[in-house]
Amino acid sequence: MFQLPTYAPDLNPQEGVWSLVKRDVGNLAAADLSQITRALKRRLKQIQYRRDLLDGCLAGTGLVMDG
């Protein structure tokens, strides 16, 4: 069985997702924490339905999903 290193951000598809979120929300001048939370949730929801973006995050790791 293949074992991943303890800390390997380049092998973690979540890093790609957060990179997409930060790209869109990074320059937000929010008035309060709830505005930031809403912006993050909205962007994550948009990404959730974009299979091409999620596939790109997985492809960026070089890992392959079985099944």
PDB file of N, CA and C in Angstrom:
ATOM      1  N   MET A   1       0.843  -1.188   0.000  1.00  0.00           N
ATOM      2  CA  MET A   1       0.000   0.000   0.000  1.00  0.00           C
ATOM      3  C   MET A   1       0.881   1.242   0.000  1.00  0.00           C
ATOM      4  N   PHE A   2       0.462   2.229  -0.762  1.00  0.00           N
ATOM      5  CA  PHE A   2       1.177   3.494  -0.866  1.00  0.00           C
ATOM      6  C   PHE A   2       0.869   4.350   0.349  1.00  0.00           C
ATOM      7  N   GLN A   3       1.895   4.880   0.977  1.00  0.00           N
ATOM      8  CA  GLN A   3       1.702   5.721   2.153  1.00  0.00           C
ATOM      9  C   GLN A   3       2.181   7.139   1.861  1.00  0.00           C
ATOM     10  N   LEU A   4       1.328   8.107   2.189  1.00  0.00           N
ATOM     11  CA  LEU A   4       1.687   9.504   1.996  1.00  0.00           C
ATOM     12  C   LEU A   4       2.555  10.001   3.143  1.00  0.00           C
ATOM     13  N   PRO A   5       3.414  10.981   2.863  1.00  0.00           N
ATOM     14  CA  PRO A   5       4.183  11.584   3.956  1.00  0.00           C
ATOM     15  C   PRO A   5       3.255  12.294   4.945  1.00  0.00           C
ATOM     16  N   THR A   6       3.753  12.548   6.133  1.00  0.00           N
ATOM     17  CA  THR A   6       2.958  13.195   7.171  1.00  0.00           C
ATOM     18  C   THR A   6       2.402  14.540   6.717  1.00  0.00           C
ATOM     19  N   TYR A   7       3.247  15.358   6.115  1.00  0.00           N
ATOM     20  CA  TYR A   7       2.796  16.668   5.649  1.00  0.00           C
ATOM     21  C   TYR A   7       3.204  16.810   4.189  1.00  0.00           C
ATOM     22  N   ALA A   8       2.227  16.838   3.303  1.00  0.00           N
ATOM     23  CA  ALA A   8       2.509  16.938   1.878  1.00  0.00           C
ATOM     24  C   ALA A   8       1.441  17.787   1.194  1.00  0.00           C
ATOM     25  N   PRO A   9       1.521  19.113   1.324  1.00  0.00           N
ATOM     26  CA  PRO A   9       0.487  19.971   0.743  1.00  0.00           C
ATOM     27  C   PRO A   9       0.353  19.820  -0.771  1.00  0.00           C
ATOM     28  N   ASP A  10       1.454  19.486  -1.482  1.00  0.00           N
ATOM     29  CA  ASP A  10       1.345  19.349  -2.939  1.00  0.00           C
ATOM     30  C   ASP A  10       0.531  18.111  -3.319  1.00  0.00           C
ATOM     31  N   LEU A  11       0.349  17.187  -2.398  1.00  0.00           N
ATOM     32  CA  LEU A  11      -0.438  15.982  -2.673  1.00  0.00           C
ATOM     33  C   LEU A  11      -1.860  16.089  -2.129  1.00  0.00           C
ATOM     34  N   ASN A  12      -2.235  17.246  -1.645  1.00  0.00           N
ATOM     35  CA  ASN A  12      -3.545  17.434  -1.030  1.00  0.00           C
ATOM     36  C   ASN A  12      -4.438  18.286  -1.938  1.00  0.00           C
ATOM     37  N   PRO A  13      -5.472  17.688  -2.559  1.00  0.00           N
ATOM     38  CA  PRO A  13      -6.351  18.452  -3.452  1.00  0.00           C
ATOM     39  C   PRO A  13      -7.034  19.635  -2.756  1.00  0.00           C
ATOM     40  N   GLN A  14      -7.189  19.571  -1.438  1.00  0.00           N
ATOM     41  CA  GLN A  14      -7.814  20.679  -0.706  1.00  0.00           C
ATOM     42  C   GLN A  14      -7.007  21.960  -0.841  1.00  0.00           C
ATOM     43  N   GLU A  15      -5.717  21.842  -0.976  1.00  0.00           N
ATOM     44  CA  GLU A  15      -4.872  23.031  -1.137  1.00  0.00           C
ATOM     45  C   GLU A  15      -5.242  23.775  -2.408  1.00  0.00           C
ATOM     46  N   GLY A  16      -5.556  23.032  -3.472  1.00  0.00           N
ATOM     47  CA  GLY A  16      -5.983  23.656  -4.721  1.00  0.00           C
ATOM     48  C   GLY A  16      -7.314  24.371  -4.571  1.00  0.00           C
ATOM     49  N   VAL A  17      -8.226  23.761  -3.823  1.00  0.00           N
ATOM     50  CA  VAL A  17      -9.531  24.379  -3.585  1.00  0.00           C
ATOM     51  C   VAL A  17      -9.352  25.677  -2.811  1.00  0.00           C
ATOM     52  N   TRP A  18      -8.554  25.652  -1.744  1.00  0.00           N
ATOM     53  CA  TRP A  18      -8.338  26.867  -0.961  1.00  0.00           C
ATOM     54  C   TRP A  18      -7.636  27.934  -1.778  1.00  0.00           C
ATOM     55  N   SER A  19      -6.777  27.520  -2.689  1.00  0.00           N
ATOM     56  CA  SER A  19      -6.119  28.485  -3.566  1.00  0.00           C
ATOM     57  C   SER A  19      -7.148  29.217  -4.436  1.00  0.00           C
ATOM     58  N   LEU A  20      -8.128  28.474  -4.955  1.00  0.00           N
ATOM     59  CA  LEU A  20      -9.203  29.088  -5.749  1.00  0.00           C
ATOM     60  C   LEU A  20     -10.033  30.043  -4.897  1.00  0.00           C
ATOM     61  N   VAL A  21     -10.327  29.641  -3.677  1.00  0.00           N
ATOM     62  CA  VAL A  21     -11.126  30.484  -2.782  1.00  0.00           C
ATOM     63  C   VAL A  21     -10.359  31.758  -2.450  1.00  0.00           C
ATOM     64  N   LYS A  22      -9.105  31.611  -2.085  1.00  0.00           N
ATOM     65  CA  LYS A  22      -8.304  32.782  -1.705  1.00  0.00           C
ATOM     66  C   LYS A  22      -8.129  33.750  -2.861  1.00  0.00           C
ATOM     67  N   ARG A  23      -8.061  33.222  -4.075  1.00  0.00           N
ATOM     68  CA  ARG A  23      -7.909  34.083  -5.248  1.00  0.00           C
ATOM     69  C   ARG A  23      -9.105  35.031  -5.378  1.00  0.00           C
ATOM     70  N   ASP A  24     -10.300  34.528  -5.082  1.00  0.00           N
ATOM     71  CA  ASP A  24     -11.508  35.343  -5.221  1.00  0.00           C
ATOM     72  C   ASP A  24     -11.833  36.171  -3.984  1.00  0.00           C
ATOM     73  N   VAL A  25     -11.507  35.669  -2.805  1.00  0.00           N
ATOM     74  CA  VAL A  25     -11.911  36.322  -1.565  1.00  0.00           C
ATOM     75  C   VAL A  25     -10.747  37.090  -0.935  1.00  0.00           C
ATOM     76  N   GLY A  26      -9.563  36.907  -1.449  1.00  0.00           N
ATOM     77  CA  GLY A  26      -8.365  37.476  -0.847  1.00  0.00           C
ATOM     78  C   GLY A  26      -8.353  38.981  -0.698  1.00  0.00           C
ATOM     79  N   ASN A  27      -8.983  39.696  -1.604  1.00  0.00           N
ATOM     80  CA  ASN A  27      -8.972  41.164  -1.543  1.00  0.00           C
ATOM     81  C   ASN A  27     -10.278  41.743  -1.022  1.00  0.00           C
ATOM     82  N   LEU A  28     -11.072  40.912  -0.405  1.00  0.00           N
ATOM     83  CA  LEU A  28     -12.346  41.366   0.149  1.00  0.00           C
ATOM     84  C   LEU A  28     -12.101  42.287   1.343  1.00  0.00           C
ATOM     85  N   ALA A  29     -12.690  43.457   1.291  1.00  0.00           N
ATOM     86  CA  ALA A  29     -12.604  44.386   2.419  1.00  0.00           C
ATOM     87  C   ALA A  29     -13.881  44.212   3.239  1.00  0.00           C
ATOM     88  N   ALA A  30     -13.864  43.248   4.119  1.00  0.00           N
ATOM     89  CA  ALA A  30     -15.058  42.889   4.884  1.00  0.00           C
ATOM     90  C   ALA A  30     -15.228  43.786   6.098  1.00  0.00           C
ATOM     91  N   ALA A  31     -16.483  44.067   6.396  1.00  0.00           N
ATOM     92  CA  ALA A  31     -16.806  44.885   7.560  1.00  0.00           C
ATOM     93  C   ALA A  31     -16.757  44.065   8.844  1.00  0.00           C
ATOM     94  N   ASP A  32     -17.035  42.776   8.726  1.00  0.00           N
ATOM     95  CA  ASP A  32     -17.022  41.923   9.912  1.00  0.00           C
ATOM     96  C   ASP A  32     -16.820  40.460   9.509  1.00  0.00           C
ATOM     97  N   LEU A  33     -16.680  39.618  10.501  1.00  0.00           N
ATOM     98  CA  LEU A  33     -16.410  38.201  10.272  1.00  0.00           C
ATOM     99  C   LEU A  33     -17.546  37.510   9.532  1.00  0.00           C
ATOM    100  N   SER A  34     -18.778  37.907   9.773  1.00  0.00           N
ATOM    101  CA  SER A  34     -19.904  37.256   9.107  1.00  0.00           C
ATOM    102  C   SER A  34     -19.878  37.517   7.601  1.00  0.00           C
ATOM    103  N   GLN A  35     -19.394  38.657   7.184  1.00  0.00           N
ATOM    104  CA  GLN A  35     -19.288  38.947   5.755  1.00  0.00           C
ATOM    105  C   GLN A  35     -18.230  38.048   5.106  1.00  0.00           C
ATOM    106  N   ILE A  36     -17.137  37.825   5.799  1.00  0.00           N
ATOM    107  CA  ILE A  36     -16.100  36.921   5.303  1.00  0.00           C
ATOM    108  C   ILE A  36     -16.649  35.501   5.222  1.00  0.00           C
ATOM    109  N   THR A  37     -17.344  35.081   6.253  1.00  0.00           N
ATOM    110  CA  THR A  37     -17.928  33.735   6.284  1.00  0.00           C
ATOM    111  C   THR A  37     -18.882  33.539   5.119  1.00  0.00           C
ATOM    112  N   ARG A  38     -19.749  34.513   4.858  1.00  0.00           N
ATOM    113  CA  ARG A  38     -20.694  34.410   3.748  1.00  0.00           C
ATOM    114  C   ARG A  38     -19.964  34.314   2.414  1.00  0.00           C
ATOM    115  N   ALA A  39     -18.909  35.111   2.232  1.00  0.00           N
ATOM    116  CA  ALA A  39     -18.144  35.100   0.984  1.00  0.00           C
ATOM    117  C   ALA A  39     -17.462  33.750   0.778  1.00  0.00           C
ATOM    118  N   LEU A  40     -16.891  33.198   1.851  1.00  0.00           N
ATOM    119  CA  LEU A  40     -16.240  31.887   1.759  1.00  0.00           C
ATOM    120  C   LEU A  40     -17.240  30.795   1.418  1.00  0.00           C
ATOM    121  N   LYS A  41     -18.369  30.800   2.109  1.00  0.00           N
ATOM    122  CA  LYS A  41     -19.397  29.783   1.845  1.00  0.00           C
ATOM    123  C   LYS A  41     -19.916  29.879   0.422  1.00  0.00           C
ATOM    124  N   ARG A  42     -20.135  31.110  -0.044  1.00  0.00           N
ATOM    125  CA  ARG A  42     -20.642  31.316  -1.404  1.00  0.00           C
ATOM    126  C   ARG A  42     -19.646  30.768  -2.428  1.00  0.00           C
ATOM    127  N   ARG A  43     -18.358  31.077  -2.244  1.00  0.00           N
ATOM    128  CA  ARG A  43     -17.344  30.611  -3.204  1.00  0.00           C
ATOM    129  C   ARG A  43     -17.178  29.097  -3.152  1.00  0.00           C
ATOM    130  N   LEU A  44     -17.178  28.520  -1.960  1.00  0.00           N
ATOM    131  CA  LEU A  44     -17.070  27.062  -1.851  1.00  0.00           C
ATOM    132  C   LEU A  44     -18.266  26.383  -2.509  1.00  0.00           C
ATOM    133  N   LYS A  45     -19.449  26.960  -2.373  1.00  0.00           N
ATOM    134  CA  LYS A  45     -20.654  26.407  -2.989  1.00  0.00           C
ATOM    135  C   LYS A  45     -20.525  26.446  -4.511  1.00  0.00           C
ATOM    136  N   GLN A  46     -19.984  27.550  -5.048  1.00  0.00           N
ATOM    137  CA  GLN A  46     -19.785  27.660  -6.494  1.00  0.00           C
ATOM    138  C   GLN A  46     -18.800  26.602  -6.995  1.00  0.00           C
ATOM    139  N   ILE A  47     -17.720  26.426  -6.271  1.00  0.00           N
ATOM    140  CA  ILE A  47     -16.699  25.455  -6.657  1.00  0.00           C
ATOM    141  C   ILE A  47     -17.251  24.037  -6.585  1.00  0.00           C
ATOM    142  N   GLN A  48     -18.107  23.777  -5.608  1.00  0.00           N
ATOM    143  CA  GLN A  48     -18.685  22.446  -5.405  1.00  0.00           C
ATOM    144  C   GLN A  48     -19.360  21.933  -6.682  1.00  0.00           C
ATOM    145  N   TYR A  49     -19.962  22.815  -7.447  1.00  0.00           N
ATOM    146  CA  TYR A  49     -20.690  22.414  -8.647  1.00  0.00           C
ATOM    147  C   TYR A  49     -19.873  22.544  -9.928  1.00  0.00           C
ATOM    148  N   ARG A  50     -18.593  22.859  -9.794  1.00  0.00           N
ATOM    149  CA  ARG A  50     -17.710  22.967 -10.957  1.00  0.00           C
ATOM    150  C   ARG A  50     -16.765  21.777 -10.990  1.00  0.00           C
ATOM    151  N   ARG A  51     -17.216  20.708 -11.590  1.00  0.00           N
ATOM    152  CA  ARG A  51     -16.443  19.465 -11.640  1.00  0.00           C
ATOM    153  C   ARG A  51     -15.064  19.704 -12.268  1.00  0.00           C
ATOM    154  N   ASP A  52     -15.005  20.579 -13.275  1.00  0.00           N
ATOM    155  CA  ASP A  52     -13.733  20.842 -13.934  1.00  0.00           C
ATOM    156  C   ASP A  52     -12.708  21.450 -12.971  1.00  0.00           C
ATOM    157  N   LEU A  53     -13.159  22.338 -12.089  1.00  0.00           N
ATOM    158  CA  LEU A  53     -12.243  22.928 -11.108  1.00  0.00           C
ATOM    159  C   LEU A  53     -11.765  21.882 -10.108  1.00  0.00           C
ATOM    160  N   LEU A  54     -12.698  21.053  -9.641  1.00  0.00           N
ATOM    161  CA  LEU A  54     -12.326  20.015  -8.679  1.00  0.00           C
ATOM    162  C   LEU A  54     -11.392  18.989  -9.316  1.00  0.00           C
ATOM    163  N   ASP A  55     -11.673  18.607 -10.563  1.00  0.00           N
ATOM    164  CA  ASP A  55     -10.780  17.680 -11.269  1.00  0.00           C
ATOM    165  C   ASP A  55      -9.398  18.298 -11.442  1.00  0.00           C
ATOM    166  N   GLY A  56      -9.354  19.610 -11.693  1.00  0.00           N
ATOM    167  CA  GLY A  56      -8.064  20.300 -11.832  1.00  0.00           C
ATOM    168  C   GLY A  56      -7.276  20.300 -10.532  1.00  0.00           C
ATOM    169  N   CYS A  57      -7.969  20.446  -9.408  1.00  0.00           N
ATOM    170  CA  CYS A  57      -7.290  20.404  -8.107  1.00  0.00           C
ATOM    171  C   CYS A  57      -6.706  19.020  -7.857  1.00  0.00           C
ATOM    172  N   LEU A  58      -7.440  17.992  -8.233  1.00  0.00           N
ATOM    173  CA  LEU A  58      -6.939  16.626  -8.079  1.00  0.00           C
ATOM    174  C   LEU A  58      -5.785  16.375  -9.043  1.00  0.00           C
ATOM    175  N   ALA A  59      -5.927  16.813 -10.289  1.00  0.00           N
ATOM    176  CA  ALA A  59      -4.870  16.616 -11.279  1.00  0.00           C
ATOM    177  C   ALA A  59      -3.581  17.320 -10.869  1.00  0.00           C
ATOM    178  N   GLY A  60      -3.714  18.449 -10.198  1.00  0.00           N
ATOM    179  CA  GLY A  60      -2.546  19.193  -9.734  1.00  0.00           C
ATOM    180  C   GLY A  60      -1.692  18.429  -8.752  1.00  0.00           C
ATOM    181  N   THR A  61      -2.275  17.436  -8.108  1.00  0.00           N
ATOM    182  CA  THR A  61      -1.521  16.636  -7.141  1.00  0.00           C
ATOM    183  C   THR A  61      -0.729  15.521  -7.811  1.00  0.00           C
ATOM    184  N   GLY A  62      -1.157  15.146  -9.025  1.00  0.00           N
ATOM    185  CA  GLY A  62      -0.530  14.016  -9.704  1.00  0.00           C
ATOM    186  C   GLY A  62      -1.074  12.680  -9.235  1.00  0.00           C
ATOM    187  N   LEU A  63      -2.017  12.715  -8.290  1.00  0.00           N
ATOM    188  CA  LEU A  63      -2.611  11.481  -7.801  1.00  0.00           C
ATOM    189  C   LEU A  63      -3.766  11.064  -8.706  1.00  0.00           C
ATOM    190  N   VAL A  64      -4.088   9.782  -8.697  1.00  0.00           N
ATOM    191  CA  VAL A  64      -5.176   9.257  -9.525  1.00  0.00           C
ATOM    192  C   VAL A  64      -6.181   8.572  -8.615  1.00  0.00           C
ATOM    193  N   MET A  65      -7.462   8.848  -8.867  1.00  0.00           N
ATOM    194  CA  MET A  65      -8.516   8.181  -8.091  1.00  0.00           C
ATOM    195  C   MET A  65      -8.895   6.878  -8.761  1.00  0.00           C
ATOM    196  N   ASP A  66      -9.024   5.834  -7.986  1.00  0.00           N
ATOM    197  CA  ASP A  66      -9.485   4.548  -8.511  1.00  0.00           C
ATOM    198  C   ASP A  66     -11.002   4.527  -8.453  1.00  0.00           C
ATOM    199  N   GLY A  67     -11.594   3.920  -9.466  1.00  0.00           N
ATOM    200  CA  GLY A  67     -13.051   3.699  -9.436  1.00  0.00           C
ATOM    201  C   GLY A  67     -13.771   4.705 -10.117  1.00  0.00           C
TER     202      GLY A  67
END
